[in-house]
Protein backbone atom coordinates (compact mmCIF):
# COMPACT_ATOMS: atom_id res chain seq x y z
CA HIS A 1 4.08 -12.39 3.79
CA GLY A 2 5.82 -11.38 0.60
CA ILE A 3 5.39 -9.23 -2.48
CA VAL A 4 1.95 -7.94 -3.47
CA MET A 5 1.93 -5.61 -6.46
CA GLY A 6 -0.39 -4.21 -9.07
CA GLY A 7 -3.38 -6.44 -9.71
CA GLY A 8 -2.55 -8.44 -6.59
CA LEU A 9 -3.12 -5.30 -4.54
CA GLY A 10 -6.39 -4.75 -6.34
CA LEU A 11 -7.50 -8.26 -5.40
CA MET A 12 -6.25 -7.79 -1.83
CA GLY A 13 -8.26 -4.57 -1.65
CA GLY A 14 -11.48 -6.53 -1.96
CA ALA A 15 -10.65 -8.84 0.94
CA SER A 16 -12.44 -8.47 4.25
CA HIS A 17 -9.26 -8.91 6.29
CA ARG A 18 -5.91 -7.83 4.84
CA VAL A 19 -2.95 -9.09 6.86
CA VAL A 20 0.68 -8.08 6.36
CA SER A 21 3.88 -9.22 8.03
CA GLU A 22 7.32 -7.71 8.44
CA ARG A 23 8.24 -9.31 5.11
CA SER A 24 5.39 -7.72 3.15
CA LYS A 25 6.25 -5.43 0.26
CA LEU A 26 3.45 -3.69 -1.60
CA ALA A 27 3.52 -1.39 -4.64
CA PHE A 28 1.71 -0.20 -7.74
CA PRO A 29 4.63 -0.58 -10.20
CA GLU A 30 2.60 -0.06 -13.37
CA ILE A 31 4.51 3.10 -14.32
CA SER A 32 7.59 0.92 -14.82
CA VAL A 33 5.87 -1.36 -17.33
CA GLY A 34 3.68 1.08 -19.25
CA LEU A 35 0.37 0.14 -17.64
CA PHE A 36 -1.95 1.81 -15.13
CA PRO A 37 -3.27 0.72 -11.72
CA ASP A 38 -6.03 -1.75 -12.58
CA VAL A 39 -8.04 -4.53 -10.90
CA GLY A 40 -9.30 -1.95 -8.42
CA GLY A 41 -5.93 -0.24 -8.03
CA SER A 42 -7.14 3.17 -9.15
CA TRP A 43 -10.09 2.87 -6.76
CA LEU A 44 -7.75 2.00 -3.88
CA LEU A 45 -5.25 4.76 -4.69
CA GLY A 46 -8.05 7.32 -4.76
CA ARG A 47 -8.84 6.45 -1.13
CA VAL A 48 -5.32 6.75 0.29
CA ARG A 49 -5.12 9.69 2.68
CA GLY A 50 -3.71 12.98 1.53
CA ASN A 51 -1.98 12.98 -1.83
CA ALA A 52 -0.15 9.74 -1.15
CA GLY A 53 -2.32 7.70 -3.55
CA LEU A 54 -1.29 9.89 -6.47
CA PHE A 55 2.34 9.70 -5.35
CA LEU A 56 2.16 5.89 -5.23
CA GLY A 57 0.56 5.70 -8.66
CA LEU A 58 3.16 8.00 -10.21
CA THR A 59 6.25 6.53 -8.56
CA GLY A 60 5.54 2.86 -7.86
CA ALA A 61 7.06 3.47 -4.42
CA LEU A 62 7.52 0.34 -2.33
CA LEU A 63 5.54 0.07 0.91
CA GLY A 64 6.31 -1.99 3.97
CA PRO A 65 3.66 -3.16 6.44
CA GLY A 66 3.38 0.07 8.45
CA ASP A 67 2.88 2.17 5.34
CA ALA A 68 0.44 -0.36 3.89
CA ILE A 69 -1.74 -0.04 6.99
CA HIS A 70 -1.30 3.75 7.06
CA ALA A 71 -2.41 3.93 3.41
CA GLY A 72 -5.47 1.77 4.07
CA LEU A 73 -4.16 -1.05 1.86
CA ALA A 74 -3.86 -3.49 4.79
CA ASP A 75 -5.58 -3.88 8.15
CA VAL A 76 -3.46 -5.97 10.51
CA HIS A 77 0.26 -6.62 11.05
CA ILE A 78 1.16 -10.09 12.32
CA LEU A 79 4.74 -11.22 12.72
CA GLU A 80 5.90 -14.14 10.57
CA ALA A 81 6.85 -16.05 13.72
CA ARG A 82 3.15 -16.14 14.65
CA ARG A 83 1.83 -17.36 11.30
CA THR A 84 1.56 -21.04 12.27
CA ALA A 85 -0.25 -20.11 15.47
CA VAL A 86 -2.70 -17.94 13.49
CA LEU A 87 -3.39 -20.75 11.03
CA GLU A 88 -3.97 -23.20 13.90
CA ALA A 89 -6.30 -20.72 15.60
CA LEU A 90 -8.25 -20.35 12.34
CA LEU A 91 -8.61 -24.11 12.07
CA ASP A 92 -9.76 -24.38 15.70
CA TYR A 93 -12.16 -21.43 15.54
CA ARG A 94 -15.85 -22.30 15.84
CA TRP A 95 -17.34 -20.60 12.82
CA GLN A 96 -21.01 -19.66 13.25
CA GLY A 97 -22.04 -19.57 9.59
CA ALA A 98 -23.36 -16.05 10.11
CA GLY A 99 -21.53 -13.26 8.28
CA ALA A 100 -21.52 -10.61 10.99
CA ALA A 101 -20.66 -13.01 13.81
CA ASP A 102 -17.88 -14.69 11.83
CA LYS A 103 -16.45 -11.32 10.76
CA ALA A 104 -16.40 -10.11 14.36
CA GLY A 105 -14.82 -13.37 15.48
CA LEU A 106 -12.14 -13.16 12.80
CA ASP A 107 -11.49 -9.52 13.69
CA ALA A 108 -10.91 -10.51 17.32
CA LEU A 109 -8.82 -13.55 16.43
CA LEU A 110 -6.47 -11.54 14.19
CA GLN A 111 -6.22 -8.68 16.68
CA GLY A 112 -5.16 -11.22 19.28
CA PHE A 113 -2.06 -11.94 17.18
CA ALA A 114 -1.48 -8.41 15.90
CA SER A 115 1.52 -6.26 16.65
CA ALA A 116 2.35 -2.67 15.81
CA ALA A 117 3.99 -2.24 12.43
CA PRO A 118 6.95 0.12 12.24
CA MET A 119 6.42 3.55 10.70
CA GLY A 120 7.59 3.65 7.12
CA PRO A 121 8.79 6.34 4.73
CA LEU A 122 5.33 7.08 3.34
CA GLN A 123 4.27 8.16 6.83
CA GLN A 124 7.56 9.92 7.53
CA HIS A 125 7.30 11.98 4.34
CA ALA A 126 3.51 12.49 4.34
CA GLY A 127 3.72 16.28 4.61
CA LEU A 128 6.28 16.55 1.81
CA ILE A 129 4.31 14.15 -0.40
CA ASP A 130 1.14 16.19 0.12
CA GLN A 131 3.01 19.35 -0.95
CA LEU A 132 4.71 17.74 -3.94
CA CYS A 133 1.49 16.16 -5.22
CA GLN A 134 -0.77 19.16 -4.65
CA ASP A 135 -3.13 19.02 -7.61
CA ASP A 136 -2.28 21.88 -9.92
CA GLY A 137 -1.86 19.66 -12.95
CA LEU A 138 0.20 16.61 -13.78
CA GLU A 139 3.06 18.55 -15.34
CA ALA A 140 3.56 20.68 -12.21
CA ILE A 141 3.40 17.63 -9.94
CA VAL A 142 5.92 15.71 -12.04
CA ALA A 143 8.25 18.73 -12.15
CA ARG A 144 8.16 19.05 -8.35
CA LEU A 145 8.77 15.33 -7.86
CA LEU A 146 11.68 15.29 -10.31
CA ALA A 147 13.21 18.28 -8.51
CA VAL A 148 13.29 16.50 -5.13
CA ASP A 149 16.79 16.67 -3.70
CA SER A 150 16.97 14.25 -0.81
CA GLU A 151 19.43 11.82 0.70
CA ASP A 152 16.52 9.49 1.52
CA ALA A 153 16.96 6.30 -0.54
CA TRP A 154 13.20 5.62 -0.65
CA LEU A 155 12.45 9.06 -2.09
CA GLN A 156 15.36 8.76 -4.53
CA ALA A 157 14.05 5.40 -5.75
CA ALA A 158 10.54 6.82 -6.18
CA VAL A 159 11.81 9.80 -8.19
CA THR A 160 14.03 7.57 -10.32
CA THR A 161 11.10 5.27 -11.09
CA LEU A 162 8.98 8.25 -12.16
CA ARG A 163 11.85 9.67 -14.25
CA ASN A 164 12.36 6.34 -16.05
CA GLY A 165 8.67 5.40 -16.18
CA ALA A 166 6.18 5.55 -18.99
CA PRO A 167 4.73 9.06 -19.40
CA GLY A 168 1.44 7.60 -20.64
CA SER A 169 1.19 5.55 -17.47
CA ALA A 170 1.75 8.68 -15.39
CA ARG A 171 -1.06 10.42 -17.23
CA LEU A 172 -3.40 7.46 -16.74
CA ALA A 173 -2.50 7.19 -13.04
CA TYR A 174 -3.14 10.91 -12.64
């Protein structure tokens, strides 16, 4: 229900059920600190649809719950107001002690509390991101990203992060 970044996203990626709320903020900010997506981050980014994984690795762009689900980094959106009810339902649930049955039961339990997450900027700009991050070499991709002229604050922030980020981190993310 808060911030999950870098290695935390890598750990979250290994979870069987990844829940986000309207307060969730996810990112791979390694470019800002001279690192690279680790703890499974590069594996996760390589599985994001289209060229969005590369975009996220190069820009550290912030994702809300809808984009996290769209990117395959989360599974279920549950409103903060329902958190206590979810925790109570988990405590009351009759666990079977059998992996498949418990997984199916947890799937159903969480879906019973789930709500649609709003579409985010990653989804809204998916076509543009795919074009900008078309793989014809890192230098060409970076040049296209730095040339983006948009009034969209999310895109501006992503481009600024890339511009001010560590070039070695960009190369490693690529």
